[in-house]
Protein backbone atom coordinates (compact mmCIF):
# COMPACT_ATOMS: atom_id res chain seq x y z
CA MET A 1 -27.10 46.77 16.05
CA THR A 2 -27.13 43.45 15.49
CA VAL A 3 -27.05 41.42 12.04
CA GLU A 4 -28.73 38.17 11.11
CA CYS A 5 -28.15 36.19 8.02
CA ARG A 6 -29.98 33.20 6.32
CA ASP A 7 -28.76 31.11 3.75
CA ARG A 8 -32.12 29.26 2.47
CA VAL A 9 -33.10 28.09 -0.65
CA SER A 10 -36.96 28.75 0.06
CA VAL A 11 -38.16 32.83 0.90
CA GLN A 12 -38.26 33.98 4.61
CA ASP A 13 -41.51 34.25 5.87
CA VAL A 14 -42.94 36.03 8.59
CA THR A 15 -42.04 33.95 11.33
CA TRP A 16 -38.08 35.15 11.27
CA ILE A 17 -39.02 38.12 11.26
CA GLU A 18 -41.53 38.03 14.17
CA GLN A 19 -37.83 36.32 15.80
CA LEU A 20 -36.00 39.31 15.16
CA ALA A 21 -38.33 42.02 16.77
CA ALA A 22 -38.62 40.20 19.47
CA LYS A 23 -35.06 40.01 20.14
CA LYS A 24 -34.09 43.14 19.06
CA LYS A 25 -36.85 44.42 21.76
CA ASN A 26 -35.44 42.00 24.75
CA ILE A 27 -31.48 43.22 24.25
CA GLY A 28 -32.48 46.94 23.58
CA ALA A 29 -30.99 47.16 20.01
CA ALA A 30 -30.79 50.30 18.30
CA LYS A 31 -30.79 48.28 14.50
CA THR A 32 -31.25 45.28 13.38
CA ILE A 33 -30.78 44.06 9.43
CA ALA A 34 -31.22 40.54 8.46
CA VAL A 35 -29.88 39.22 5.37
CA ALA A 36 -31.53 36.54 3.66
CA ALA A 37 -29.82 34.90 0.40
CA SER A 38 -33.77 34.58 -0.85
CA GLY A 39 -35.51 37.04 -0.02
CA PHE A 40 -38.54 37.81 2.01
CA SER A 41 -42.49 37.36 1.72
CA SER A 42 -44.71 39.93 1.50
CA GLU A 43 -45.71 39.86 5.41
CA ALA A 44 -42.22 39.57 6.43
CA ARG A 45 -41.32 42.94 4.64
CA ARG A 46 -44.74 44.40 6.28
CA ILE A 47 -43.83 43.33 10.32
CA ALA A 48 -40.07 44.44 9.56
CA CYS A 49 -41.54 47.85 8.14
CA GLU A 50 -43.51 47.94 11.49
CA ASN A 51 -40.19 47.12 13.97
CA ALA A 52 -37.92 49.11 11.87
CA ILE A 53 -35.67 45.87 10.56
CA ASP A 54 -33.76 46.68 7.54
CA LEU A 55 -33.91 44.32 4.87
CA ARG A 56 -31.37 43.01 2.72
CA ILE A 57 -30.49 40.45 0.32
CA LEU A 58 -27.44 38.47 -0.35
CA ASP A 59 -26.97 36.53 -3.72
CA GLU A 60 -24.39 35.45 -6.33
CA ILE A 61 -24.35 36.70 -9.42
CA THR A 62 -22.29 35.98 -12.97
CA GLU A 63 -19.13 36.89 -14.25
CA GLU A 64 -21.19 38.98 -16.79
CA ASP A 65 -22.89 40.76 -14.31
CA ILE A 66 -19.34 41.82 -12.42
CA LYS A 67 -18.27 42.73 -16.15
CA SER A 68 -21.13 45.36 -16.39
CA TRP A 69 -20.00 46.88 -13.06
CA MET A 70 -16.51 47.13 -13.16
CA PRO A 71 -13.63 46.16 -16.20
CA LEU A 72 -12.27 43.33 -13.83
CA ILE A 73 -11.26 39.97 -15.36
CA GLY A 74 -9.21 38.59 -12.86
CA MET A 75 -6.48 38.93 -10.03
CA VAL A 76 -2.69 37.71 -10.63
CA HIS A 77 -0.96 36.81 -7.18
CA VAL A 78 2.69 37.16 -7.25
CA PHE A 79 4.55 35.64 -4.63
CA LYS A 80 8.27 34.24 -3.48
CA ASP A 81 8.38 30.31 -4.34
CA CYS A 82 12.17 29.12 -2.99
CA GLU A 83 13.59 25.77 -1.96
CA LEU A 84 17.03 24.07 -1.57
CA THR A 85 18.28 22.03 -4.55
CA GLY A 86 20.97 20.82 -2.34
CA PRO A 87 22.52 20.25 0.51
CA PRO A 88 23.43 23.51 2.52
CA ASP A 89 27.25 24.02 3.80
CA ILE A 90 27.22 25.12 7.55
CA VAL A 91 30.96 26.09 8.48
CA PHE A 92 31.53 26.45 12.34
CA LEU A 93 34.50 27.34 14.11
CA ALA A 94 35.46 23.87 16.13
CA GLU A 95 36.76 23.90 19.54
CA GLN A 96 39.86 21.58 21.10
CA GLY A 97 38.74 17.94 20.47
CA ASP A 98 37.05 18.91 17.13
CA GLU A 99 38.99 18.33 13.44
CA PRO A 100 39.66 19.92 11.63
CA SER A 101 39.88 23.29 13.19
CA GLU A 102 37.09 24.87 10.49
CA THR A 103 35.11 22.06 9.20
CA THR A 104 31.69 21.46 7.38
CA PHE A 105 28.93 19.94 9.18
CA PRO A 106 27.92 16.92 7.64
CA ASN A 107 25.21 17.27 4.73
CA VAL A 108 22.16 15.40 6.62
CA GLY A 109 19.43 16.62 4.21
CA SER A 110 17.42 19.51 3.89
CA ASP A 111 14.60 18.65 5.32
CA LEU A 112 16.22 17.60 8.31
CA LEU A 113 17.67 20.94 8.54
CA SER A 114 14.45 23.39 7.87
CA ALA A 115 12.72 21.29 10.19
CA HIS A 116 14.73 21.12 12.99
CA ARG A 117 15.84 24.25 15.32
CA ILE A 118 19.43 23.59 15.45
CA PHE A 119 21.02 27.23 15.71
CA ARG A 120 20.69 28.71 18.76
CA GLY A 121 20.63 33.01 18.32
CA PRO A 122 22.02 35.64 20.42
CA GLY A 123 19.38 35.53 22.58
CA ASP A 124 19.47 31.71 23.04
CA GLU A 125 16.11 31.28 21.06
CA PRO A 126 16.09 27.99 18.62
CA LEU A 127 16.57 28.85 15.17
CA SER A 128 15.41 26.68 12.18
CA LEU A 129 17.54 26.71 9.15
CA ASN A 130 14.31 28.51 7.35
CA ASP A 131 14.27 30.96 9.79
CA ILE A 132 18.16 32.57 9.30
CA TRP A 133 17.10 32.22 5.02
CA LEU A 134 14.25 34.26 6.37
CA ARG A 135 16.16 36.76 8.11
CA ALA A 136 18.71 36.92 5.57
CA ASP A 137 16.14 37.29 2.53
CA ASP A 138 14.82 40.38 4.86
CA GLN A 139 18.31 41.80 5.40
CA MET A 140 20.49 41.40 2.26
CA LYS A 141 17.17 41.44 -0.64
CA ILE A 142 18.21 38.60 -2.01
CA PHE A 143 14.85 38.26 -4.07
CA TYR A 144 15.56 41.99 -5.47
CA GLN A 145 17.94 40.15 -7.51
CA VAL A 146 15.56 37.87 -8.90
CA PRO A 147 13.28 38.55 -12.31
CA CYS A 148 9.84 38.93 -11.86
CA ASP A 149 9.31 36.77 -15.15
CA ASN A 150 7.59 33.36 -13.38
CA LYS A 151 10.76 31.32 -14.22
CA ASP A 152 13.51 29.56 -12.00
CA HIS A 153 16.59 30.82 -11.13
CA PHE A 154 19.32 29.40 -9.22
CA PHE A 155 21.27 31.33 -6.95
CA LYS A 156 24.44 30.46 -4.19
CA VAL A 157 23.85 32.14 -1.27
CA ASN A 158 26.71 33.02 1.06
CA ILE A 159 25.36 33.59 4.24
CA ILE A 160 27.78 35.09 7.32
CA PRO A 161 26.40 35.87 10.48
CA SER A 162 26.24 39.75 11.75
CA ASP A 163 25.29 38.06 15.40
CA LYS A 164 27.00 35.16 17.52
CA LEU A 165 24.93 32.33 15.78
CA LEU A 166 25.77 28.89 17.59
CA LEU A 167 25.59 25.60 15.88
CA LEU A 168 24.18 22.76 18.12
CA THR A 169 26.76 19.49 17.79
CA GLN A 170 27.24 16.50 19.00
CA LYS A 171 30.29 17.82 20.95
CA GLY A 172 28.19 20.87 21.58
CA ASN A 173 27.28 24.33 20.45
CA ARG A 174 29.67 25.89 17.74
CA GLN A 175 29.88 28.96 16.44
CA VAL A 176 29.02 29.43 13.06
CA LYS A 177 31.65 30.70 10.27
CA SER A 178 29.15 30.89 7.53
CA ILE A 179 26.04 28.79 5.71
CA SER A 180 25.92 28.14 1.93
CA LEU A 181 22.61 27.79 0.41
CA PRO A 182 22.20 25.87 -3.11
CA LEU A 183 18.45 27.70 -4.08
CA ARG A 184 16.27 27.80 -6.54
CA LEU A 185 14.37 30.66 -6.75
CA ARG A 186 11.27 32.01 -8.38
CA TRP A 187 8.40 35.35 -8.36
CA LYS A 188 5.77 32.52 -9.22
CA HIS A 189 2.48 33.95 -10.88
CA GLU A 190 -0.67 32.47 -9.72
CA ASN A 191 -3.74 33.56 -11.91
CA ILE A 192 -7.20 33.44 -10.64
CA PRO A 193 -9.86 34.21 -13.50
CA LEU A 194 -12.90 36.07 -12.46
CA SER A 195 -14.79 32.77 -12.87
CA GLU A 196 -12.92 31.61 -9.86
CA ALA A 197 -13.82 34.53 -8.05
CA LYS A 198 -16.95 34.65 -5.39
CA LEU A 199 -19.30 37.47 -7.09
CA VAL A 200 -22.38 37.81 -5.13
CA ARG A 201 -24.52 41.57 -4.82
CA TYR A 202 -25.66 43.13 -1.56
CA ARG A 203 -28.73 45.10 -2.02
CA PRO A 204 -32.14 46.35 0.04
CA ALA A 205 -35.28 43.81 -0.26
CA ASP A 206 -37.67 46.63 -1.04
CA ALA A 207 -36.71 48.87 -4.15
CA ALA A 208 -38.10 52.14 -2.10
CA ASP A 209 -35.22 51.64 0.51
CA PRO A 210 -32.49 53.97 -0.07
CA PHE A 211 -29.62 51.87 0.59
CA PRO A 212 -27.71 51.68 -2.46
CA GLU A 213 -27.03 48.51 -4.07
CA LEU A 214 -23.32 46.96 -3.86
CA VAL A 215 -21.42 44.27 -5.50
CA LEU A 216 -17.95 42.12 -4.16
CA ALA A 217 -15.68 39.83 -6.52
CA GLU A 218 -13.69 38.13 -3.78
CA PHE A 219 -10.16 36.19 -4.94
CA GLU A 220 -8.15 33.90 -2.57
CA THR A 221 -4.82 32.18 -3.76
CA LYS A 222 -4.18 29.07 -3.35
CA GLN A 223 -0.36 27.77 -4.31
CA ALA A 224 1.42 30.06 -1.61
CA ILE A 225 2.89 27.50 1.18
CA SER A 226 2.41 30.19 3.37
CA ASN A 227 0.57 33.66 3.58
CA ASN A 228 -2.15 33.20 1.08
CA LEU A 229 -4.22 36.21 0.09
CA ARG A 230 -8.16 36.81 0.32
CA MET A 231 -8.92 40.02 -1.51
CA GLY A 232 -12.10 41.09 -2.25
CA PHE A 233 -12.96 44.30 -4.94
CA GLN A 234 -16.31 46.16 -3.85
CA LEU A 235 -18.01 48.73 -5.59
CA GLN A 236 -21.43 50.68 -5.76
CA GLN A 237 -23.06 51.14 -9.35
CA ASP A 238 -22.20 54.21 -10.91
CA GLY A 239 -20.10 55.17 -8.04
CA PRO A 240 -16.97 56.86 -8.70
CA MET A 241 -14.98 54.31 -5.62
CA VAL A 242 -14.00 51.06 -5.74
CA HIS A 243 -13.34 49.59 -2.11
CA ILE A 244 -10.18 47.17 -1.86
CA SER A 245 -9.73 44.83 1.17
CA ALA A 246 -7.20 42.20 1.89
CA GLU A 247 -6.23 39.67 4.48
CA MET A 248 -3.52 37.13 4.86
CA VAL A 249 -4.99 33.77 5.09
CA GLN A 250 -2.83 30.95 6.47
CA SER A 251 -2.33 27.69 4.10
CA GLU A 252 -3.72 24.50 5.60
CA SER A 253 -0.79 22.76 3.96
CA VAL A 254 2.03 24.21 5.57
CA ALA A 255 4.39 21.23 6.87
CA ALA A 256 6.38 21.02 9.49
CA ALA A 257 9.34 19.11 7.89
CA GLU A 258 8.93 20.92 4.48
CA PRO A 259 12.57 21.58 2.28
CA VAL A 260 13.86 25.46 2.67
CA ARG A 261 10.67 27.89 2.00
CA ASN A 262 9.79 31.30 2.20
CA CYS A 263 6.50 32.28 0.36
CA GLY A 264 5.48 36.29 0.73
CA SER A 265 3.03 37.76 -1.68
CA LYS A 266 1.91 40.93 -3.86
CA SER A 267 -0.22 41.23 -5.88
CA SER A 268 -1.23 42.97 -9.29
């Protein structure tokens, strides 16, 4: 089966449909669906019928149109927002030649610590401070302590490595005893009204075609550093069900030297 699409201002004439009919025959397709944003001429519809080509129209609709189909007013994207509020303290176990026997790693700045993989894990895998924070949040459920009220909350999180974690120093690798992180944590709310969604209608070009008319409202979040969300709500008019699709979208604004951040997603 092939699906052919055109987003043109003018109505599609017979030329395109004849080309599709020839292609359908040449490749041995069982079915071809032609989708246009502006409709089809009467001659194009006739040729499509003769060659068993289904014609569909995908057009934009208004906020009022979608509200007549379903009571949808918008979407709230709730995601984790976290950053360092000061330099972290990394305490490691000293070896001969280090002074004192237990020392605090110099405060070299949160950007440097999060950007560079200055740790080594049990399997000698390189890790950044951000990697360690993500693991700690996953294991300790730190964000469970944060009210979901769209407000900043300040914590001092102490991480005691459960496995052998090494810190790269100028004198060699040293075993990490603890890491203390001053953090601002927030369940951030991104409100996306229906007016900012992509609203489209998918329908047959011929009123006699039994294919059901569908509408789609697609929302896309922008504010998370990573793990943004593209969510679609699709339904058939007078139908009993709403089909929901969700896709994680990598943010284009992710920078290598960002302060320690963790942005997960949930929506409501």
